[in-house]
Amino acid sequence: MEVTRANFEEVLPAVREKISKCNFVAVDCEFTGLCASDREEYSLLDSAERRYAKVRRSVQLYTVCQMGVTTFTNDPWQNKYSVSSFTFYVFPHDVFSHDLRFSVQASSFSFLCQHEFDFNKFVYDGIPYLNREDEAKVRQSVHSENEDEQQEQEREIIRAIGFSHVFNMLVEAKKPIVGHNCLMDLMFLHDKFYEPLPASYEAFKSNIHEMFPTVIDTKHVSFQLKKSLSQQAEECFRHSALSDLHTSLTSKKCSSLAVLFPIIELDEQSLRCAGDLAYHEAGYDSYACGVVLIRMTHLLARQHMSDRDSAPTSFVKVRHLISSCVNCVNVIRGSLQYINLGGPDPVGCRPPWLTFSSRRLFGSIASGEVLESLQRYGPVDIEVESSSRCTVAIGNFSRYSDVLADFADDPVYCVREYRRPFLSTFTGLAVVGGVALSVSAGAAYVLLSGSSVSSLFSKPAKFLLPST
């Protein structure tokens, strides 16, 4: 169901009721941009903190143009899920001289055009929104001694809060939130409808976990289930994009792999989800995301049951089956596969970094040439340390071993495993990932704090030696 400023207030009670009664809510966002600059491109060298900082800069620059919210209510006795899907067009409005600003990335708008996004509804009919900080600023800017004017101002502010009312419903309901590859979605939700994103990565995790104690990322779940399902079922997980997973998991081939797949029953306003495929419309994507969760967890549940077992698989059982995946949010092309919103992040799963340096005394190397020489080894990222040295991250361990073997006697490059800086007994200053350490008599003192001690060595270090 499409929701704009024209029917938002009318639809709001139904949205509240659906959220309060459902078992889980699937969400999806469409944005006006994804990447603030070329420097924010994702890298295998990114730690969790560094990735958060990159995405944060992008989220602060762009805005949400469409929100998808789909509720799934399980009836295990009838083996079905009742589904209601909503597509909200949202647009920041100026209110009482408080004027919100956002940027646009050309490629993102082109992408939306390709998928028939309605820009007129976005601009003319988009639902306003305010986060808590903006709401406080608006309230501070209005003053009136007249009671009637005060009431009208309050009504105007309530209207301006707009979609944030829906966000607050999700927070209050504490229902499981399901998304696909949803780190950026969660960060946009936090920044636009709750409060500006904090500088601290750990503070962000804490805030999200407090608001949404149960988050399920279907991309991460698909990676984990692929390891434990039969070879036939594994075919359904060949590609991890939402559209690919939804298409394969709802295919006849997949349906033949297990019995008693739950029925998906759409309400009258959401029937378009059962018709033409509309990937990259936020409401449809949130619907597809919920269906993907139901279908792939059912495959897992039935794998350990006899075909004669006619007991339906309830959502309670499904949630238990994937308990190890809860609050684990996928990280694209980073030093770790996922972040853990509910606790410590996992240890990085990538091979150790490598250092490429010139074999010639005072020789220089070009990062572009290094990258070109590594093209055949799959995903590779490079960070320049100096004119004669760069740090390289390889995507997987088998390719890592190949690089070490192939470059062992290379006449141009000396390739070694990256070593963290050694803090000797001299007095000097080490600059590590933007954090300055004073080094004296073997002890290190933090002068400018970073987000955590564990992130100090997420970037190669350079030592600035004292002059003699």
Protein backbone atom coordinates (compact mmCIF):
# COMPACT_ATOMS: atom_id res chain seq x y z
CA MET A 1 0.00 0.00 0.00
CA GLU A 2 1.38 3.41 -0.96
CA VAL A 3 1.32 6.00 1.80
CA THR A 4 1.86 9.70 1.11
CA ARG A 5 1.20 12.90 3.02
CA ALA A 6 -2.38 12.82 1.70
CA ASN A 7 -3.40 9.55 3.41
CA PHE A 8 -0.75 9.23 6.13
CA GLU A 9 -2.92 10.26 9.09
CA GLU A 10 -5.75 8.02 7.87
CA VAL A 11 -3.46 4.97 7.54
CA LEU A 12 -1.51 5.51 10.78
CA PRO A 13 -3.95 3.66 13.13
CA ALA A 14 -3.88 0.58 10.87
CA VAL A 15 -0.08 0.65 10.80
CA ARG A 16 0.00 0.78 14.60
CA GLU A 17 -2.38 -2.18 14.86
CA LYS A 18 -0.45 -4.30 12.35
CA ILE A 19 2.86 -3.63 14.13
CA SER A 20 1.42 -4.41 17.56
CA LYS A 21 -0.01 -7.79 16.47
CA CYS A 22 2.72 -9.10 14.16
CA ASN A 23 5.58 -11.54 14.83
CA PHE A 24 8.18 -9.51 12.97
CA VAL A 25 8.56 -6.42 10.80
CA ALA A 26 10.67 -6.32 7.64
CA VAL A 27 12.05 -2.91 6.64
CA ASP A 28 13.85 -1.42 3.66
CA CYS A 29 15.00 2.09 2.69
CA GLU A 30 15.68 3.83 -0.58
CA PHE A 31 18.17 6.70 -0.38
CA THR A 32 19.13 9.82 -2.34
CA GLY A 33 22.78 8.69 -2.25
CA LEU A 34 25.09 5.97 -1.00
CA CYS A 35 28.67 7.20 -0.95
CA ALA A 36 29.80 10.66 0.18
CA SER A 37 33.05 10.59 -1.85
CA ASP A 38 35.57 8.26 -3.46
CA ARG A 39 37.38 8.16 -0.11
CA GLU A 40 34.34 6.48 1.43
CA GLU A 41 34.47 3.46 -0.90
CA TYR A 42 34.38 0.17 1.02
CA SER A 43 37.72 -1.57 1.51
CA LEU A 44 38.97 -4.92 2.79
CA LEU A 45 41.15 -2.80 5.09
CA ASP A 46 38.09 -1.39 6.90
CA SER A 47 37.69 -2.27 10.55
CA ALA A 48 34.17 -2.05 12.03
CA GLU A 49 34.92 1.42 13.42
CA ARG A 50 36.37 2.65 10.17
CA ARG A 51 33.42 1.31 8.16
CA TYR A 52 30.98 2.95 10.55
CA ALA A 53 32.77 6.29 10.15
CA LYS A 54 32.60 6.01 6.35
CA VAL A 55 28.90 5.16 6.25
CA ARG A 56 28.14 7.82 8.87
CA ARG A 57 29.55 10.55 6.64
CA SER A 58 27.34 9.35 3.79
CA VAL A 59 24.21 9.06 5.94
CA GLN A 60 24.73 12.61 7.23
CA LEU A 61 24.87 13.89 3.65
CA TYR A 62 21.90 12.08 2.06
CA THR A 63 18.36 11.23 3.12
CA VAL A 64 15.70 8.53 2.89
CA CYS A 65 13.25 9.00 0.00
CA GLN A 66 11.14 5.86 0.54
CA MET A 67 10.55 3.53 3.50
CA GLY A 68 9.19 0.02 3.24
CA VAL A 69 7.50 -1.52 6.29
CA THR A 70 5.94 -4.99 6.02
CA THR A 71 4.39 -6.86 8.95
CA PHE A 72 4.29 -10.68 9.12
CA THR A 73 1.84 -12.37 11.51
CA ASN A 74 2.19 -16.13 11.94
CA ASP A 75 -0.71 -18.53 12.44
CA PRO A 76 1.08 -21.88 12.98
CA TRP A 77 -2.18 -23.86 13.14
CA GLN A 78 -3.06 -22.79 9.61
CA ASN A 79 0.61 -22.76 8.56
CA LYS A 80 0.39 -19.24 7.17
CA TYR A 81 1.66 -15.69 7.55
CA SER A 82 -0.73 -12.76 7.18
CA VAL A 83 1.14 -9.93 5.50
CA SER A 84 0.57 -6.16 5.29
CA SER A 85 3.02 -4.09 3.26
CA PHE A 86 3.37 -0.30 3.29
CA THR A 87 5.46 1.95 1.03
CA PHE A 88 5.98 5.37 2.62
CA TYR A 89 7.21 8.28 0.50
CA VAL A 90 9.13 10.59 2.85
CA PHE A 91 10.47 14.08 2.22
CA PRO A 92 11.99 16.60 4.67
CA HIS A 93 9.81 19.71 5.00
CA ASP A 94 10.69 23.13 6.38
CA VAL A 95 8.68 23.98 9.49
CA PHE A 96 8.73 27.27 11.39
CA SER A 97 11.88 28.37 9.54
CA HIS A 98 13.64 25.09 10.41
CA ASP A 99 14.88 23.99 6.98
CA LEU A 100 16.40 20.52 6.58
CA ARG A 101 19.04 19.96 3.88
CA PHE A 102 20.20 16.91 1.98
CA SER A 103 22.32 16.02 -1.03
CA VAL A 104 21.77 13.87 -4.09
CA GLN A 105 24.10 11.40 -5.78
CA ALA A 106 23.53 11.33 -9.56
CA SER A 107 24.06 7.58 -9.89
CA SER A 108 21.51 6.90 -7.13
CA PHE A 109 18.88 9.02 -8.85
CA SER A 110 19.62 7.27 -12.15
CA PHE A 111 19.17 3.93 -10.39
CA LEU A 112 15.82 5.06 -8.96
CA CYS A 113 14.74 6.25 -12.42
CA GLN A 114 15.56 2.83 -13.90
CA HIS A 115 13.20 1.28 -11.33
CA GLU A 116 10.39 3.77 -12.01
CA PHE A 117 10.64 5.69 -8.76
CA ASP A 118 7.97 8.43 -8.62
CA PHE A 119 9.90 11.64 -7.90
CA ASN A 120 6.69 13.70 -7.97
CA LYS A 121 5.28 11.74 -5.04
CA PHE A 122 8.63 12.06 -3.25
CA VAL A 123 8.76 15.87 -3.54
CA TYR A 124 5.10 16.92 -3.64
CA ASP A 125 3.49 14.23 -1.49
CA GLY A 126 6.34 12.98 0.70
CA ILE A 127 5.60 12.58 4.42
CA PRO A 128 7.66 14.97 6.57
CA TYR A 129 9.86 13.79 9.43
CA LEU A 130 11.91 15.17 12.30
CA ASN A 131 14.38 13.42 14.56
CA ARG A 132 14.46 14.32 18.25
CA GLU A 133 17.14 16.96 17.87
CA ASP A 134 15.30 18.72 15.04
CA GLU A 135 12.02 18.50 16.94
CA ALA A 136 13.65 20.17 19.96
CA LYS A 137 15.00 22.97 17.73
CA VAL A 138 11.57 23.56 16.21
CA ARG A 139 9.91 23.73 19.62
CA GLN A 140 12.50 26.23 20.82
CA SER A 141 11.86 28.46 17.81
CA VAL A 142 8.11 28.95 18.37
CA HIS A 143 6.74 31.27 21.03
CA SER A 144 3.23 32.55 21.42
CA GLU A 145 1.19 33.91 24.29
CA ASN A 146 -2.05 33.12 22.50
CA GLU A 147 -3.52 29.75 23.51
CA ASP A 148 -5.17 29.15 20.14
CA GLU A 149 -1.89 29.87 18.37
CA GLN A 150 -0.05 27.54 20.73
CA GLN A 151 -2.48 24.70 19.94
CA GLU A 152 -2.13 25.29 16.21
CA GLN A 153 1.66 25.35 16.51
CA GLU A 154 1.58 22.06 18.41
CA ARG A 155 -0.60 20.48 15.71
CA GLU A 156 1.85 21.72 13.08
CA ILE A 157 4.78 20.19 14.96
CA ILE A 158 2.96 16.86 15.33
CA ARG A 159 2.35 16.86 11.55
CA ALA A 160 6.01 17.72 10.92
CA ILE A 161 7.19 14.76 13.02
CA GLY A 162 5.41 12.68 10.37
CA PHE A 163 7.05 9.35 9.60
CA SER A 164 8.99 9.47 12.85
CA HIS A 165 5.69 8.44 14.47
CA VAL A 166 5.97 5.09 12.61
CA PHE A 167 9.59 4.75 13.68
CA ASN A 168 8.53 5.34 17.30
CA MET A 169 5.89 2.62 16.94
CA LEU A 170 8.60 0.17 15.88
CA VAL A 171 10.75 1.16 18.85
CA GLU A 172 7.87 0.81 21.32
CA ALA A 173 6.70 -2.55 19.91
CA LYS A 174 10.18 -4.16 20.23
CA LYS A 175 9.26 -6.65 17.50
CA PRO A 176 12.10 -8.34 15.58
CA ILE A 177 13.33 -6.12 12.76
CA VAL A 178 14.28 -7.94 9.56
CA GLY A 179 16.37 -6.37 6.79
CA HIS A 180 18.70 -7.43 4.01
CA ASN A 181 22.28 -6.22 4.21
CA CYS A 182 20.80 -3.62 6.52
CA LEU A 183 23.69 -1.74 8.18
CA MET A 184 23.06 1.41 6.14
CA ASP A 185 19.28 1.09 6.64
CA LEU A 186 19.75 1.00 10.42
CA MET A 187 22.09 3.98 10.31
CA PHE A 188 19.63 6.03 8.23
CA LEU A 189 16.79 5.11 10.61
CA HIS A 190 18.87 6.27 13.57
CA ASP A 191 20.01 9.52 11.95
CA LYS A 192 16.76 10.69 10.33
CA PHE A 193 14.08 9.51 12.75
CA TYR A 194 15.78 9.13 16.15
CA GLU A 195 18.90 11.25 16.72
CA PRO A 196 21.96 12.25 14.67
CA LEU A 197 24.41 9.38 14.48
CA PRO A 198 26.96 9.50 17.31
CA ALA A 199 30.66 9.73 16.50
CA SER A 200 31.22 6.57 18.55
CA TYR A 201 30.61 3.25 16.79
CA GLU A 202 29.96 1.53 20.14
CA ALA A 203 27.37 4.19 21.05
CA PHE A 204 25.57 3.51 17.76
CA LYS A 205 25.50 -0.23 18.48
CA SER A 206 24.17 0.38 21.97
CA ASN A 207 21.44 2.73 20.73
CA ILE A 208 20.23 0.36 18.01
CA HIS A 209 20.26 -2.63 20.35
CA GLU A 210 18.27 -0.73 22.96
CA MET A 211 15.65 0.33 20.40
CA PHE A 212 15.58 -2.95 18.46
CA PRO A 213 16.75 -5.85 20.69
CA THR A 214 16.27 -8.35 17.85
CA VAL A 215 17.64 -7.56 14.38
CA ILE A 216 17.85 -10.23 11.68
CA ASP A 217 19.89 -9.60 8.53
CA THR A 218 18.76 -12.06 5.86
CA LYS A 219 22.01 -11.64 3.90
CA HIS A 220 24.03 -12.82 6.90
CA VAL A 221 21.52 -15.61 7.59
CA SER A 222 21.80 -16.81 3.98
CA PHE A 223 25.59 -17.05 4.26
CA GLN A 224 25.31 -19.09 7.47
CA LEU A 225 22.54 -21.42 6.30
CA LYS A 226 24.33 -22.15 3.06
CA LYS A 227 26.99 -23.95 5.13
CA SER A 228 24.52 -26.26 6.88
CA LEU A 229 21.94 -27.08 4.20
CA SER A 230 21.98 -30.01 1.80
CA GLN A 231 23.75 -29.65 -1.53
CA GLN A 232 20.41 -29.42 -3.35
CA ALA A 233 19.14 -26.66 -1.04
CA GLU A 234 22.47 -24.89 -1.31
CA GLU A 235 21.67 -24.21 -4.97
CA CYS A 236 19.01 -21.74 -3.82
CA PHE A 237 21.73 -19.64 -2.14
CA ARG A 238 24.09 -19.31 -5.08
CA HIS A 239 23.61 -15.52 -5.17
CA SER A 240 23.02 -13.37 -2.10
CA ALA A 241 21.33 -10.27 -3.58
CA LEU A 242 17.78 -9.89 -2.26
CA SER A 243 16.14 -10.21 -5.69
CA ASP A 244 18.18 -13.36 -6.49
CA LEU A 245 17.39 -14.99 -3.15
CA HIS A 246 13.69 -14.17 -3.39
CA THR A 247 13.47 -15.49 -6.96
CA SER A 248 15.30 -18.74 -6.22
CA LEU A 249 13.61 -19.44 -2.86
CA THR A 250 10.12 -18.99 -4.32
CA SER A 251 10.86 -21.05 -7.45
CA LYS A 252 9.29 -24.44 -8.17
CA LYS A 253 12.71 -26.07 -7.82
CA CYS A 254 13.12 -24.78 -4.28
CA SER A 255 9.51 -25.61 -3.38
CA SER A 256 10.20 -29.25 -4.30
CA LEU A 257 12.95 -29.51 -1.70
CA ALA A 258 10.64 -29.47 1.32
CA VAL A 259 7.00 -29.92 2.26
CA LEU A 260 4.61 -27.60 4.08
CA PHE A 261 6.11 -24.27 3.10
CA PRO A 262 4.02 -21.65 4.95
CA ILE A 263 1.33 -19.83 2.97
CA ILE A 264 1.93 -16.11 2.46
CA GLU A 265 -1.44 -14.34 2.62
CA LEU A 266 -1.43 -10.67 1.62
CA ASP A 267 -4.17 -8.32 2.74
CA GLU A 268 -6.24 -6.55 0.10
CA GLN A 269 -4.14 -3.36 0.12
CA SER A 270 -0.90 -5.33 -0.37
CA LEU A 271 -1.95 -7.63 -3.22
CA ARG A 272 0.31 -5.86 -5.72
CA CYS A 273 3.25 -7.62 -4.00
CA ALA A 274 1.88 -10.89 -5.40
CA GLY A 275 1.79 -9.52 -8.94
CA ASP A 276 4.56 -7.88 -10.95
CA LEU A 277 8.03 -7.97 -9.46
CA ALA A 278 8.92 -4.50 -8.18
CA TYR A 279 12.40 -4.87 -6.70
CA HIS A 280 13.93 -1.65 -5.37
CA GLU A 281 10.58 -0.26 -4.35
CA ALA A 282 10.99 -0.11 -0.58
CA GLY A 283 7.66 -1.74 0.26
CA TYR A 284 8.20 -4.62 -2.16
CA ASP A 285 11.78 -5.16 -1.01
CA SER A 286 10.68 -5.31 2.64
CA TYR A 287 8.02 -7.85 1.65
CA ALA A 288 10.58 -9.91 -0.32
CA CYS A 289 12.98 -9.77 2.62
CA GLY A 290 10.39 -11.25 5.00
CA VAL A 291 9.50 -13.99 2.50
CA VAL A 292 13.18 -14.86 2.10
CA LEU A 293 13.53 -15.27 5.87
CA ILE A 294 10.47 -17.54 6.05
CA ARG A 295 11.47 -19.70 3.09
CA MET A 296 15.11 -20.25 3.95
CA THR A 297 14.50 -20.98 7.63
CA HIS A 298 11.74 -23.42 6.67
CA LEU A 299 14.26 -25.28 4.51
CA LEU A 300 16.54 -25.51 7.53
CA ALA A 301 13.74 -26.70 9.83
CA ARG A 302 12.49 -29.38 7.43
CA GLN A 303 15.99 -30.71 6.84
CA HIS A 304 15.88 -32.19 10.34
CA MET A 305 12.30 -33.50 10.05
CA SER A 306 10.65 -36.40 8.25
CA ASP A 307 8.42 -35.60 5.27
CA ARG A 308 5.72 -37.46 7.17
CA ASP A 309 5.92 -34.95 9.98
CA SER A 310 2.95 -32.68 9.33
CA ALA A 311 3.66 -30.23 12.15
CA PRO A 312 3.91 -26.67 10.78
CA THR A 313 7.03 -24.65 11.52
CA SER A 314 6.12 -21.73 13.78
CA PHE A 315 8.00 -18.44 13.87
CA VAL A 316 9.02 -19.21 17.46
CA LYS A 317 10.84 -22.32 16.21
CA VAL A 318 12.33 -20.41 13.27
CA ARG A 319 13.70 -17.74 15.60
CA HIS A 320 15.29 -20.42 17.77
CA LEU A 321 16.91 -22.12 14.77
CA ILE A 322 18.73 -18.95 13.75
CA SER A 323 19.48 -17.65 17.25
CA SER A 324 23.22 -17.54 16.47
CA CYS A 325 22.50 -15.13 13.59
CA VAL A 326 20.38 -12.67 15.58
CA ASN A 327 21.86 -9.14 15.79
CA CYS A 328 24.59 -10.06 13.30
CA VAL A 329 24.59 -7.49 10.48
CA ASN A 330 26.46 -8.17 7.27
CA VAL A 331 29.51 -6.09 6.32
CA ILE A 332 30.28 -5.75 2.62
CA ARG A 333 33.95 -6.02 1.64
CA GLY A 334 35.49 -5.36 5.04
CA SER A 335 38.03 -6.87 7.39
CA LEU A 336 35.19 -8.74 9.15
CA GLN A 337 32.09 -10.45 7.76
CA TYR A 338 29.57 -8.96 10.16
CA ILE A 339 29.13 -6.76 13.19
CA ASN A 340 27.38 -7.89 16.35
CA LEU A 341 24.85 -5.35 17.62
CA GLY A 342 24.34 -7.31 20.84
CA GLY A 343 27.95 -7.85 21.93
CA PRO A 344 31.61 -7.89 20.91
CA ASP A 345 32.31 -8.04 17.19
CA PRO A 346 33.85 -11.24 15.79
CA VAL A 347 37.53 -11.57 15.05
CA GLY A 348 38.40 -10.56 11.50
CA CYS A 349 38.01 -13.38 8.97
CA ARG A 350 40.38 -12.06 6.33
CA PRO A 351 44.03 -13.03 5.72
CA PRO A 352 46.75 -10.88 7.31
CA TRP A 353 47.61 -7.73 5.42
CA LEU A 354 50.66 -7.64 3.17
CA THR A 355 53.26 -4.92 2.71
CA PHE A 356 54.53 -4.20 -0.80
CA SER A 357 57.76 -2.20 -0.97
CA SER A 358 60.37 -1.50 -3.61
CA ARG A 359 63.44 -3.76 -3.74
CA ARG A 360 65.51 -0.82 -4.93
CA LEU A 361 67.16 1.49 -2.42
CA PHE A 362 65.06 4.67 -2.29
CA GLY A 363 62.92 3.19 -5.07
CA SER A 364 59.28 4.20 -5.43
CA ILE A 365 56.22 2.14 -6.33
CA ALA A 366 52.90 3.15 -7.87
CA SER A 367 49.77 1.82 -6.18
CA GLY A 368 48.05 1.56 -9.58
CA GLU A 369 50.76 -0.72 -10.88
CA VAL A 370 50.60 -2.87 -7.73
CA LEU A 371 46.84 -3.15 -8.11
CA GLU A 372 47.16 -4.11 -11.77
CA SER A 373 49.66 -6.85 -10.90
CA LEU A 374 47.17 -8.27 -8.37
CA GLN A 375 44.06 -8.25 -10.58
CA ARG A 376 44.09 -12.01 -11.09
CA TYR A 377 43.92 -12.69 -7.34
CA GLY A 378 40.31 -11.62 -6.86
CA PRO A 379 39.18 -8.90 -4.42
CA VAL A 380 42.19 -6.76 -3.45
CA ASP A 381 42.43 -3.34 -1.76
CA ILE A 382 45.48 -1.11 -1.40
CA GLU A 383 46.39 1.74 0.93
CA VAL A 384 49.46 3.85 0.26
CA GLU A 385 51.80 4.38 3.20
CA SER A 386 54.58 6.20 1.40
CA SER A 387 56.09 6.58 -2.07
CA SER A 388 57.96 3.30 -1.57
CA ARG A 389 55.49 1.26 0.47
CA CYS A 390 51.82 0.27 0.47
CA THR A 391 49.58 -2.06 2.45
CA VAL A 392 47.55 -4.69 0.61
CA ALA A 393 44.49 -6.69 1.74
CA ILE A 394 43.62 -9.91 -0.09
CA GLY A 395 40.05 -11.21 -0.07
CA ASN A 396 40.63 -14.87 0.84
CA PHE A 397 43.30 -17.17 2.27
CA SER A 398 43.91 -19.29 -0.83
CA ARG A 399 44.66 -16.21 -2.92
CA TYR A 400 46.76 -14.82 -0.09
CA SER A 401 49.00 -17.89 -0.23
CA ASP A 402 49.21 -17.58 -4.01
CA VAL A 403 50.37 -13.96 -3.75
CA LEU A 404 53.10 -14.83 -1.24
CA ALA A 405 54.34 -17.69 -3.42
CA ASP A 406 54.17 -15.83 -6.74
CA PHE A 407 55.94 -12.70 -5.45
CA ALA A 408 58.57 -14.49 -3.36
CA ASP A 409 61.33 -13.78 -5.89
CA ASP A 410 59.76 -10.82 -7.65
CA PRO A 411 62.49 -8.48 -8.98
CA VAL A 412 60.43 -5.32 -8.40
CA TYR A 413 58.43 -5.81 -5.20
CA CYS A 414 59.44 -7.07 -1.78
CA VAL A 415 56.31 -8.65 -0.29
CA ARG A 416 56.01 -9.41 3.41
CA GLU A 417 53.27 -9.92 5.95
CA TYR A 418 52.29 -6.57 7.44
CA ARG A 419 53.74 -6.01 10.90
CA ARG A 420 52.26 -3.75 13.50
CA PRO A 421 54.59 -0.96 14.58
CA PHE A 422 57.08 -1.84 17.32
CA LEU A 423 57.17 0.67 20.17
CA SER A 424 60.85 0.96 21.12
CA THR A 425 62.42 2.79 24.04
CA PHE A 426 63.13 5.96 22.10
CA THR A 427 60.97 9.00 22.56
CA GLY A 428 58.83 9.85 19.57
CA LEU A 429 55.35 10.20 18.22
CA ALA A 430 53.40 7.46 16.47
CA VAL A 431 50.42 8.35 14.33
CA VAL A 432 48.11 5.34 14.08
CA GLY A 433 44.81 5.61 12.21
CA GLY A 434 44.38 9.24 13.21
CA VAL A 435 45.34 8.60 16.87
CA ALA A 436 48.55 10.09 18.21
CA LEU A 437 50.63 8.13 20.72
CA SER A 438 53.51 9.55 22.72
CA VAL A 439 56.17 6.86 23.02
CA SER A 440 58.76 7.06 25.78
CA ALA A 441 60.77 4.37 27.55
CA GLY A 442 58.66 1.65 26.02
CA ALA A 443 55.35 3.13 27.21
CA ALA A 444 52.62 4.57 25.00
CA TYR A 445 50.37 7.42 26.11
CA VAL A 446 47.24 8.35 24.19
CA LEU A 447 47.18 12.03 23.27
CA LEU A 448 44.15 11.97 20.98
CA SER A 449 41.70 9.19 21.77
CA GLY A 450 40.17 6.96 19.10
CA SER A 451 36.91 5.04 19.34
CA SER A 452 38.55 2.04 21.00
CA VAL A 453 41.98 0.67 21.78
CA SER A 454 41.36 -2.29 19.47
CA SER A 455 40.99 0.07 16.52
CA LEU A 456 44.33 1.82 17.02
CA PHE A 457 46.04 -0.48 14.58
CA SER A 458 43.24 -0.65 12.01
CA LYS A 459 45.48 1.47 9.77
CA PRO A 460 49.19 1.23 9.03
CA ALA A 461 51.23 3.42 11.39
CA LYS A 462 53.85 6.01 10.63
CA PHE A 463 56.42 7.09 13.19
CA LEU A 464 57.51 10.69 13.36
CA LEU A 465 60.97 10.50 14.87
CA PRO A 466 62.27 13.38 17.00
CA SER A 467 64.88 15.52 15.36
CA THR A 468 68.45 15.10 16.62
